[in-house]
Amino acid sequence: IEILFQPQFRCGDGRVLGAEALARWQHPQLGRIGAGALFAIAE
């Protein structure tokens, strides 16, 4: 299960403040499975 990070930017000067962690699964048959479907399968 790969963890991706989307940067977050401060308004005004555009400075990077941090990032949000997101999950992704590259299934060998079905291809990319994003966080929403991934958690539905886990549920």
All heavy atoms as atom14 arrays in JSON, in Angstrom:
{
  "sequence": "IEILFQPQFRCGDGRVLGAEALARWQHPQLGRIGAGALFAIAE",
  "atom14_mask": [
    [1, 1, 1, 1, 1, 1, 1, 1, 0, 0, 0, 0, 0, 0],
    [1, 1, 1, 1, 1, 1, 1, 1, 1, 0, 0, 0, 0, 0],
    [1, 1, 1, 1, 1, 1, 1, 1, 0, 0, 0, 0, 0, 0],
    [1, 1, 1, 1, 1, 1, 1, 1, 0, 0, 0, 0, 0, 0],
    [1, 1, 1, 1, 1, 1, 1, 1, 1, 1, 1, 0, 0, 0],
    [1, 1, 1, 1, 1, 1, 1, 1, 1, 0, 0, 0, 0, 0],
    [1, 1, 1, 1, 1, 1, 1, 0, 0, 0, 0, 0, 0, 0],
    [1, 1, 1, 1, 1, 1, 1, 1, 1, 0, 0, 0, 0, 0],
    [1, 1, 1, 1, 1, 1, 1, 1, 1, 1, 1, 0, 0, 0],
    [1, 1, 1, 1, 1, 1, 1, 1, 1, 1, 1, 0, 0, 0],
    [1, 1, 1, 1, 1, 1, 0, 0, 0, 0, 0, 0, 0, 0],
    [1, 1, 1, 1, 0, 0, 0, 0, 0, 0, 0, 0, 0, 0],
    [1, 1, 1, 1, 1, 1, 1, 1, 0, 0, 0, 0, 0, 0],
    [1, 1, 1, 1, 0, 0, 0, 0, 0, 0, 0, 0, 0, 0],
    [1, 1, 1, 1, 1, 1, 1, 1, 1, 1, 1, 0, 0, 0],
    [1, 1, 1, 1, 1, 1, 1, 0, 0, 0, 0, 0, 0, 0],
    [1, 1, 1, 1, 1, 1, 1, 1, 0, 0, 0, 0, 0, 0],
    [1, 1, 1, 1, 0, 0, 0, 0, 0, 0, 0, 0, 0, 0],
    [1, 1, 1, 1, 1, 0, 0, 0, 0, 0, 0, 0, 0, 0],
    [1, 1, 1, 1, 1, 1, 1, 1, 1, 0, 0, 0, 0, 0],
    [1, 1, 1, 1, 1, 0, 0, 0, 0, 0, 0, 0, 0, 0],
    [1, 1, 1, 1, 1, 1, 1, 1, 0, 0, 0, 0, 0, 0],
    [1, 1, 1, 1, 1, 0, 0, 0, 0, 0, 0, 0, 0, 0],
    [1, 1, 1, 1, 1, 1, 1, 1, 1, 1, 1, 0, 0, 0],
    [1, 1, 1, 1, 1, 1, 1, 1, 1, 1, 1, 1, 1, 1],
    [1, 1, 1, 1, 1, 1, 1, 1, 1, 0, 0, 0, 0, 0],
    [1, 1, 1, 1, 1, 1, 1, 1, 1, 1, 0, 0, 0, 0],
    [1, 1, 1, 1, 1, 1, 1, 0, 0, 0, 0, 0, 0, 0],
    [1, 1, 1, 1, 1, 1, 1, 1, 1, 0, 0, 0, 0, 0],
    [1, 1, 1, 1, 1, 1, 1, 1, 0, 0, 0, 0, 0, 0],
    [1, 1, 1, 1, 0, 0, 0, 0, 0, 0, 0, 0, 0, 0],
    [1, 1, 1, 1, 1, 1, 1, 1, 1, 1, 1, 0, 0, 0],
    [1, 1, 1, 1, 1, 1, 1, 1, 0, 0, 0, 0, 0, 0],
    [1, 1, 1, 1, 0, 0, 0, 0, 0, 0, 0, 0, 0, 0],
    [1, 1, 1, 1, 1, 0, 0, 0, 0, 0, 0, 0, 0, 0],
    [1, 1, 1, 1, 0, 0, 0, 0, 0, 0, 0, 0, 0, 0],
    [1, 1, 1, 1, 1, 0, 0, 0, 0, 0, 0, 0, 0, 0],
    [1, 1, 1, 1, 1, 1, 1, 1, 0, 0, 0, 0, 0, 0],
    [1, 1, 1, 1, 1, 1, 1, 1, 1, 1, 1, 0, 0, 0],
    [1, 1, 1, 1, 1, 0, 0, 0, 0, 0, 0, 0, 0, 0],
    [1, 1, 1, 1, 1, 1, 1, 1, 0, 0, 0, 0, 0, 0],
    [1, 1, 1, 1, 1, 0, 0, 0, 0, 0, 0, 0, 0, 0],
    [1, 1, 1, 1, 1, 1, 1, 1, 1, 0, 0, 0, 0, 0]
  ],
  "atom14_positions": [
    [[0.86, -1.18, 0.0], [0.0, 0.0, 0.0], [0.9, 1.23, 0.0], [1.63, 1.47, 0.95], [-0.94, 0.02, 1.21], [-1.75, -1.28, 1.28], [-1.86, 1.23, 1.14], [-2.61, -1.56, 0.08], [0.0, 0.0, 0.0], [0.0, 0.0, 0.0], [0.0, 0.0, 0.0], [0.0, 0.0, 0.0], [0.0, 0.0, 0.0], [0.0, 0.0, 0.0]],
    [[0.85, 1.99, -1.08], [1.73, 3.15, -1.23], [1.13, 4.38, -0.57], [-0.08, 4.61, -0.65], [1.95, 3.43, -2.72], [2.95, 4.56, -2.99], [3.13, 4.84, -4.46], [2.3, 4.35, -5.26], [4.1, 5.52, -4.82], [0.0, 0.0, 0.0], [0.0, 0.0, 0.0], [0.0, 0.0, 0.0], [0.0, 0.0, 0.0], [0.0, 0.0, 0.0]],
    [[1.96, 5.15, 0.1], [1.52, 6.39, 0.72], [2.03, 7.56, -0.13], [3.23, 7.67, -0.4], [2.06, 6.54, 2.16], [1.77, 5.27, 2.98], [1.44, 7.77, 2.83], [0.31, 4.92, 3.11], [0.0, 0.0, 0.0], [0.0, 0.0, 0.0], [0.0, 0.0, 0.0], [0.0, 0.0, 0.0], [0.0, 0.0, 0.0], [0.0, 0.0, 0.0]],
    [[1.1, 8.38, -0.58], [1.43, 9.58, -1.33], [1.17, 10.8, -0.44], [0.41, 10.73, 0.52], [0.58, 9.68, -2.59], [0.62, 8.49, -3.56], [-0.3, 8.73, -4.74], [2.04, 8.23, -4.03], [0.0, 0.0, 0.0], [0.0, 0.0, 0.0], [0.0, 0.0, 0.0], [0.0, 0.0, 0.0], [0.0, 0.0, 0.0], [0.0, 0.0, 0.0]],
    [[1.8, 11.91, -0.8], [1.67, 13.13, 0.0], [1.36, 14.3, -0.93], [2.1, 14.57, -1.87], [2.96, 13.41, 0.77], [3.34, 12.33, 1.74], [4.15, 11.26, 1.34], [2.89, 12.36, 3.05], [4.5, 10.26, 2.22], [3.23, 11.36, 3.94], [4.04, 10.31, 3.55], [0.0, 0.0, 0.0], [0.0, 0.0, 0.0], [0.0, 0.0, 0.0]],
    [[0.24, 15.01, -0.64], [-0.09, 16.19, -1.44], [0.28, 17.45, -0.64], [-0.26, 17.69, 0.44], [-1.56, 16.25, -1.82], [-1.86, 17.42, -2.74], [-3.19, 17.31, -3.43], [-4.16, 16.86, -2.83], [-3.26, 17.73, -4.7], [0.0, 0.0, 0.0], [0.0, 0.0, 0.0], [0.0, 0.0, 0.0], [0.0, 0.0, 0.0], [0.0, 0.0, 0.0]],
    [[1.18, 18.26, -1.19], [1.63, 19.46, -0.47], [0.5, 20.46, -0.24], [-0.45, 20.57, -1.03], [2.7, 20.05, -1.4], [3.18, 18.9, -2.22], [1.95, 18.04, -2.43], [0.0, 0.0, 0.0], [0.0, 0.0, 0.0], [0.0, 0.0, 0.0], [0.0, 0.0, 0.0], [0.0, 0.0, 0.0], [0.0, 0.0, 0.0], [0.0, 0.0, 0.0]],
    [[0.64, 21.21, 0.87], [-0.29, 22.27, 1.22], [0.49, 23.58, 1.27], [1.61, 23.63, 1.79], [-0.95, 21.97, 2.57], [-1.77, 20.68, 2.54], [-2.26, 20.23, 3.91], [-1.61, 20.5, 4.92], [-3.39, 19.55, 3.95], [0.0, 0.0, 0.0], [0.0, 0.0, 0.0], [0.0, 0.0, 0.0], [0.0, 0.0, 0.0], [0.0, 0.0, 0.0]],
    [[-0.13, 24.65, 0.77], [0.56, 25.92, 0.59], [-0.1, 27.04, 1.4], [-1.33, 27.09, 1.49], [0.56, 26.32, -0.89], [1.18, 25.3, -1.8], [0.42, 24.25, -2.29], [2.52, 25.36, -2.15], [0.98, 23.29, -3.12], [3.09, 24.41, -2.98], [2.32, 23.37, -3.46], [0.0, 0.0, 0.0], [0.0, 0.0, 0.0], [0.0, 0.0, 0.0]],
    [[0.72, 27.9, 1.97], [0.19, 29.03, 2.71], [-0.28, 30.11, 1.74], [0.4, 30.43, 0.75], [1.25, 29.6, 3.65], [0.73, 30.72, 4.55], [1.68, 31.01, 5.68], [2.98, 31.5, 5.19], [4.06, 31.62, 5.96], [4.0, 31.25, 7.23], [5.19, 32.08, 5.47], [0.0, 0.0, 0.0], [0.0, 0.0, 0.0], [0.0, 0.0, 0.0]],
    [[-1.45, 30.66, 2.01], [-1.94, 31.76, 1.19], [-1.07, 32.99, 1.41], [-0.6, 33.26, 2.5], [-3.4, 32.07, 1.55], [-4.58, 30.84, 0.96], [0.0, 0.0, 0.0], [0.0, 0.0, 0.0], [0.0, 0.0, 0.0], [0.0, 0.0, 0.0], [0.0, 0.0, 0.0], [0.0, 0.0, 0.0], [0.0, 0.0, 0.0], [0.0, 0.0, 0.0]],
    [[-0.88, 33.73, 0.35], [-0.08, 34.94, 0.43], [1.28, 34.77, -0.2], [1.57, 35.33, -1.25], [0.0, 0.0, 0.0], [0.0, 0.0, 0.0], [0.0, 0.0, 0.0], [0.0, 0.0, 0.0], [0.0, 0.0, 0.0], [0.0, 0.0, 0.0], [0.0, 0.0, 0.0], [0.0, 0.0, 0.0], [0.0, 0.0, 0.0], [0.0, 0.0, 0.0]],
    [[2.13, 33.95, 0.44], [3.49, 33.8, -0.09], [3.73, 32.45, -0.76], [4.8, 32.22, -1.32], [4.52, 34.02, 1.02], [4.38, 33.03, 2.17], [3.61, 32.05, 2.04], [5.05, 33.23, 3.21], [0.0, 0.0, 0.0], [0.0, 0.0, 0.0], [0.0, 0.0, 0.0], [0.0, 0.0, 0.0], [0.0, 0.0, 0.0], [0.0, 0.0, 0.0]],
    [[2.74, 31.53, -0.73], [2.89, 30.24, -1.41], [3.85, 29.28, -0.75], [4.18, 28.25, -1.33], [0.0, 0.0, 0.0], [0.0, 0.0, 0.0], [0.0, 0.0, 0.0], [0.0, 0.0, 0.0], [0.0, 0.0, 0.0], [0.0, 0.0, 0.0], [0.0, 0.0, 0.0], [0.0, 0.0, 0.0], [0.0, 0.0, 0.0], [0.0, 0.0, 0.0]],
    [[4.27, 29.58, 0.48], [5.22, 28.7, 1.16], [4.58, 27.36, 1.48], [3.42, 27.29, 1.89], [5.7, 29.37, 2.45], [6.68, 28.54, 3.24], [7.14, 29.31, 4.48], [8.03, 28.5, 5.31], [8.59, 28.93, 6.43], [8.35, 30.15, 6.86], [9.37, 28.14, 7.13], [0.0, 0.0, 0.0], [0.0, 0.0, 0.0], [0.0, 0.0, 0.0]],
    [[5.32, 26.26, 1.29], [4.81, 24.93, 1.62], [4.75, 24.79, 3.14], [5.73, 25.02, 3.85], [5.7, 23.82, 1.02], [5.15, 22.46, 1.4], [5.77, 23.95, -0.49], [0.0, 0.0, 0.0], [0.0, 0.0, 0.0], [0.0, 0.0, 0.0], [0.0, 0.0, 0.0], [0.0, 0.0, 0.0], [0.0, 0.0, 0.0], [0.0, 0.0, 0.0]],
    [[3.56, 24.39, 3.64], [3.36, 24.21, 5.07], [3.51, 22.77, 5.51], [3.88, 22.49, 6.65], [1.96, 24.7, 5.46], [1.66, 26.18, 5.22], [0.21, 26.48, 5.54], [2.59, 27.05, 6.06], [0.0, 0.0, 0.0], [0.0, 0.0, 0.0], [0.0, 0.0, 0.0], [0.0, 0.0, 0.0], [0.0, 0.0, 0.0], [0.0, 0.0, 0.0]],
    [[3.21, 21.86, 4.61], [3.25, 20.44, 4.93], [2.56, 19.65, 3.85], [2.5, 20.1, 2.69], [0.0, 0.0, 0.0], [0.0, 0.0, 0.0], [0.0, 0.0, 0.0], [0.0, 0.0, 0.0], [0.0, 0.0, 0.0], [0.0, 0.0, 0.0], [0.0, 0.0, 0.0], [0.0, 0.0, 0.0], [0.0, 0.0, 0.0], [0.0, 0.0, 0.0]],
    [[2.0, 18.5, 4.2], [1.35, 17.66, 3.19], [0.32, 16.76, 3.84], [0.42, 16.41, 5.02], [2.39, 16.83, 2.45], [0.0, 0.0, 0.0], [0.0, 0.0, 0.0], [0.0, 0.0, 0.0], [0.0, 0.0, 0.0], [0.0, 0.0, 0.0], [0.0, 0.0, 0.0], [0.0, 0.0, 0.0], [0.0, 0.0, 0.0], [0.0, 0.0, 0.0]],
    [[-0.67, 16.36, 3.03], [-1.67, 15.4, 3.46], [-1.3, 14.01, 2.94], [-0.92, 13.86, 1.78], [-3.05, 15.78, 2.91], [-4.14, 14.77, 3.26], [-5.47, 15.06, 2.58], [-5.53, 16.05, 1.81], [-6.42, 14.3, 2.81], [0.0, 0.0, 0.0], [0.0, 0.0, 0.0], [0.0, 0.0, 0.0], [0.0, 0.0, 0.0], [0.0, 0.0, 0.0]],
    [[-1.39, 13.01, 3.81], [-1.07, 11.63, 3.43], [-2.28, 10.97, 2.79], [-3.4, 11.07, 3.31], [-0.63, 10.84, 4.65], [0.0, 0.0, 0.0], [0.0, 0.0, 0.0], [0.0, 0.0, 0.0], [0.0, 0.0, 0.0], [0.0, 0.0, 0.0], [0.0, 0.0, 0.0], [0.0, 0.0, 0.0], [0.0, 0.0, 0.0], [0.0, 0.0, 0.0]],
    [[-2.07, 10.31, 1.66], [-3.12, 9.62, 0.92], [-2.62, 8.22, 0.57], [-1.45, 8.03, 0.27], [-3.48, 10.38, -0.34], [-3.93, 11.84, -0.15], [-3.92, 12.58, -1.48], [-5.31, 11.88, 0.47], [0.0, 0.0, 0.0], [0.0, 0.0, 0.0], [0.0, 0.0, 0.0], [0.0, 0.0, 0.0], [0.0, 0.0, 0.0], [0.0, 0.0, 0.0]],
    [[-3.52, 7.26, 0.56], [-3.13, 5.87, 0.27], [-3.53, 5.49, -1.15], [-4.53, 5.98, -1.69], [-3.79, 4.92, 1.26], [0.0, 0.0, 0.0], [0.0, 0.0, 0.0], [0.0, 0.0, 0.0], [0.0, 0.0, 0.0], [0.0, 0.0, 0.0], [0.0, 0.0, 0.0], [0.0, 0.0, 0.0], [0.0, 0.0, 0.0], [0.0, 0.0, 0.0]],
    [[-2.74, 4.59, -1.75], [-3.04, 4.08, -3.08], [-2.53, 2.65, -3.17], [-1.48, 2.31, -2.62], [-2.38, 4.95, -4.15], [-2.7, 4.51, -5.57], [-2.16, 5.5, -6.59], [-0.7, 5.49, -6.63], [0.01, 6.3, -7.4], [-0.57, 7.22, -8.13], [1.33, 6.23, -7.4], [0.0, 0.0, 0.0], [0.0, 0.0, 0.0], [0.0, 0.0, 0.0]],
    [[-3.28, 1.82, -3.89], [-2.91, 0.41, -4.06], [-2.9, 0.11, -5.56], [-3.9, 0.29, -6.25], [-3.92, -0.47, -3.33], [-3.69, -1.94, -3.44], [-2.52, -2.59, -3.73], [-4.67, -2.97, -3.24], [-2.71, -3.96, -3.72], [-4.02, -4.23, -3.42], [-6.02, -2.96, -2.92], [-4.69, -5.43, -3.29], [-6.69, -4.16, -2.79], [-6.03, -5.38, -2.97]],
    [[-1.78, -0.34, -6.06], [-1.69, -0.73, -7.47], [-1.94, -2.23, -7.55], [-1.04, -3.04, -7.37], [-0.3, -0.37, -8.03], [-0.2, -0.47, -9.54], [-1.05, 0.58, -10.27], [-1.28, 1.66, -9.76], [-1.51, 0.24, -11.46], [0.0, 0.0, 0.0], [0.0, 0.0, 0.0], [0.0, 0.0, 0.0], [0.0, 0.0, 0.0], [0.0, 0.0, 0.0]],
    [[-3.2, -2.59, -7.82], [-3.58, -4.0, -7.87], [-3.08, -4.61, -9.18], [-3.19, -3.99, -10.24], [-5.09, -4.13, -7.77], [-5.56, -5.52, -7.54], [-5.72, -6.43, -8.57], [-5.9, -6.18, -6.4], [-6.15, -7.58, -8.07], [-6.26, -7.47, -6.77], [0.0, 0.0, 0.0], [0.0, 0.0, 0.0], [0.0, 0.0, 0.0], [0.0, 0.0, 0.0]],
    [[-2.53, -5.82, -9.13], [-1.93, -6.4, -10.35], [-2.93, -6.64, -11.48], [-2.55, -6.62, -12.65], [-1.33, -7.72, -9.86], [-1.97, -7.99, -8.54], [-2.31, -6.66, -7.96], [0.0, 0.0, 0.0], [0.0, 0.0, 0.0], [0.0, 0.0, 0.0], [0.0, 0.0, 0.0], [0.0, 0.0, 0.0], [0.0, 0.0, 0.0], [0.0, 0.0, 0.0]],
    [[-4.23, -6.85, -11.17], [-5.22, -7.08, -12.22], [-6.11, -5.86, -12.47], [-6.42, -5.54, -13.61], [-6.13, -8.27, -11.86], [-5.54, -9.62, -12.21], [-4.44, -10.01, -11.24], [-4.58, -9.81, -10.03], [-3.36, -10.57, -11.75], [0.0, 0.0, 0.0], [0.0, 0.0, 0.0], [0.0, 0.0, 0.0], [0.0, 0.0, 0.0], [0.0, 0.0, 0.0]],
    [[-6.51, -5.17, -11.41], [-7.49, -4.1, -11.55], [-6.86, -2.72, -11.7], [-7.54, -1.75, -11.96], [-8.43, -4.09, -10.34], [-9.3, -5.35, -10.17], [-10.14, -5.25, -8.92], [-10.18, -5.56, -11.39], [0.0, 0.0, 0.0], [0.0, 0.0, 0.0], [0.0, 0.0, 0.0], [0.0, 0.0, 0.0], [0.0, 0.0, 0.0], [0.0, 0.0, 0.0]],
    [[-5.54, -2.64, -11.54], [-4.88, -1.35, -11.68], [-4.99, -0.51, -10.42], [-5.17, -1.04, -9.32], [0.0, 0.0, 0.0], [0.0, 0.0, 0.0], [0.0, 0.0, 0.0], [0.0, 0.0, 0.0], [0.0, 0.0, 0.0], [0.0, 0.0, 0.0], [0.0, 0.0, 0.0], [0.0, 0.0, 0.0], [0.0, 0.0, 0.0], [0.0, 0.0, 0.0]],
    [[-4.91, 0.81, -10.58], [-4.87, 1.69, -9.43], [-6.19, 1.68, -8.66], [-7.26, 1.82, -9.24], [-4.58, 3.13, -9.86], [-4.29, 4.05, -8.68], [-4.16, 5.49, -9.11], [-5.46, 6.1, -9.35], [-5.63, 7.37, -9.64], [-4.59, 8.17, -9.77], [-6.84, 7.86, -9.84], [0.0, 0.0, 0.0], [0.0, 0.0, 0.0], [0.0, 0.0, 0.0]],
    [[-6.09, 1.53, -7.36], [-7.24, 1.61, -6.46], [-6.95, 2.74, -5.48], [-5.99, 2.67, -4.7], [-7.47, 0.29, -5.71], [-7.82, -0.82, -6.72], [-8.58, 0.44, -4.67], [-8.01, -2.19, -6.09], [0.0, 0.0, 0.0], [0.0, 0.0, 0.0], [0.0, 0.0, 0.0], [0.0, 0.0, 0.0], [0.0, 0.0, 0.0], [0.0, 0.0, 0.0]],
    [[-7.75, 3.8, -5.55], [-7.54, 4.95, -4.69], [-8.06, 4.74, -3.28], [-8.62, 3.69, -2.94], [0.0, 0.0, 0.0], [0.0, 0.0, 0.0], [0.0, 0.0, 0.0], [0.0, 0.0, 0.0], [0.0, 0.0, 0.0], [0.0, 0.0, 0.0], [0.0, 0.0, 0.0], [0.0, 0.0, 0.0], [0.0, 0.0, 0.0], [0.0, 0.0, 0.0]],
    [[-7.9, 5.78, -2.46], [-8.19, 5.64, -1.04], [-9.64, 5.29, -0.76], [-9.94, 4.48, 0.12], [-7.82, 6.94, -0.32], [0.0, 0.0, 0.0], [0.0, 0.0, 0.0], [0.0, 0.0, 0.0], [0.0, 0.0, 0.0], [0.0, 0.0, 0.0], [0.0, 0.0, 0.0], [0.0, 0.0, 0.0], [0.0, 0.0, 0.0], [0.0, 0.0, 0.0]],
    [[-10.59, 5.89, -1.52], [-12.0, 5.63, -1.25], [-12.36, 4.17, -1.43], [-12.94, 3.54, -0.53], [0.0, 0.0, 0.0], [0.0, 0.0, 0.0], [0.0, 0.0, 0.0], [0.0, 0.0, 0.0], [0.0, 0.0, 0.0], [0.0, 0.0, 0.0], [0.0, 0.0, 0.0], [0.0, 0.0, 0.0], [0.0, 0.0, 0.0], [0.0, 0.0, 0.0]],
    [[-12.03, 3.6, -2.59], [-12.33, 2.19, -2.83], [-11.5, 1.29, -1.94], [-11.96, 0.22, -1.51], [-12.08, 1.85, -4.3], [0.0, 0.0, 0.0], [0.0, 0.0, 0.0], [0.0, 0.0, 0.0], [0.0, 0.0, 0.0], [0.0, 0.0, 0.0], [0.0, 0.0, 0.0], [0.0, 0.0, 0.0], [0.0, 0.0, 0.0], [0.0, 0.0, 0.0]],
    [[-10.29, 1.7, -1.64], [-9.41, 0.91, -0.78], [-10.04, 0.72, 0.59], [-10.08, -0.4, 1.14], [-8.06, 1.6, -0.67], [-6.97, 0.94, 0.18], [-6.7, -0.48, -0.28], [-5.69, 1.77, 0.12], [0.0, 0.0, 0.0], [0.0, 0.0, 0.0], [0.0, 0.0, 0.0], [0.0, 0.0, 0.0], [0.0, 0.0, 0.0], [0.0, 0.0, 0.0]],
    [[-10.57, 1.79, 1.16], [-11.2, 1.68, 2.48], [-12.53, 0.93, 2.4], [-12.92, 0.26, 3.36], [-11.39, 3.06, 3.11], [-10.18, 3.5, 3.89], [-9.22, 4.32, 3.32], [-10.0, 3.08, 5.2], [-8.1, 4.71, 4.03], [-8.88, 3.48, 5.92], [-7.93, 4.29, 5.34], [0.0, 0.0, 0.0], [0.0, 0.0, 0.0], [0.0, 0.0, 0.0]],
    [[-13.23, 1.03, 1.26], [-14.46, 0.25, 1.1], [-14.16, -1.25, 1.1], [-14.88, -2.04, 1.71], [-15.16, 0.65, -0.19], [0.0, 0.0, 0.0], [0.0, 0.0, 0.0], [0.0, 0.0, 0.0], [0.0, 0.0, 0.0], [0.0, 0.0, 0.0], [0.0, 0.0, 0.0], [0.0, 0.0, 0.0], [0.0, 0.0, 0.0], [0.0, 0.0, 0.0]],
    [[-13.09, -1.64, 0.43], [-12.68, -3.05, 0.43], [-12.29, -3.47, 1.85], [-12.66, -4.55, 2.33], [-11.5, -3.27, -0.54], [-11.94, -2.99, -1.97], [-10.95, -4.69, -0.43], [-10.8, -2.85, -2.96], [0.0, 0.0, 0.0], [0.0, 0.0, 0.0], [0.0, 0.0, 0.0], [0.0, 0.0, 0.0], [0.0, 0.0, 0.0], [0.0, 0.0, 0.0]],
    [[-11.54, -2.61, 2.53], [-11.12, -2.92, 3.89], [-12.32, -3.05, 4.82], [-12.33, -3.9, 5.73], [-10.17, -1.84, 4.4], [0.0, 0.0, 0.0], [0.0, 0.0, 0.0], [0.0, 0.0, 0.0], [0.0, 0.0, 0.0], [0.0, 0.0, 0.0], [0.0, 0.0, 0.0], [0.0, 0.0, 0.0], [0.0, 0.0, 0.0], [0.0, 0.0, 0.0]],
    [[-13.34, -2.23, 4.61], [-14.54, -2.31, 5.45], [-15.25, -3.64, 5.26], [-15.7, -4.27, 6.22], [-15.48, -1.15, 5.14], [-16.68, -1.08, 6.05], [-17.51, 0.16, 5.81], [-17.11, 1.01, 4.98], [-18.57, 0.28, 6.45], [0.0, 0.0, 0.0], [0.0, 0.0, 0.0], [0.0, 0.0, 0.0], [0.0, 0.0, 0.0], [0.0, 0.0, 0.0]]
  ]
}
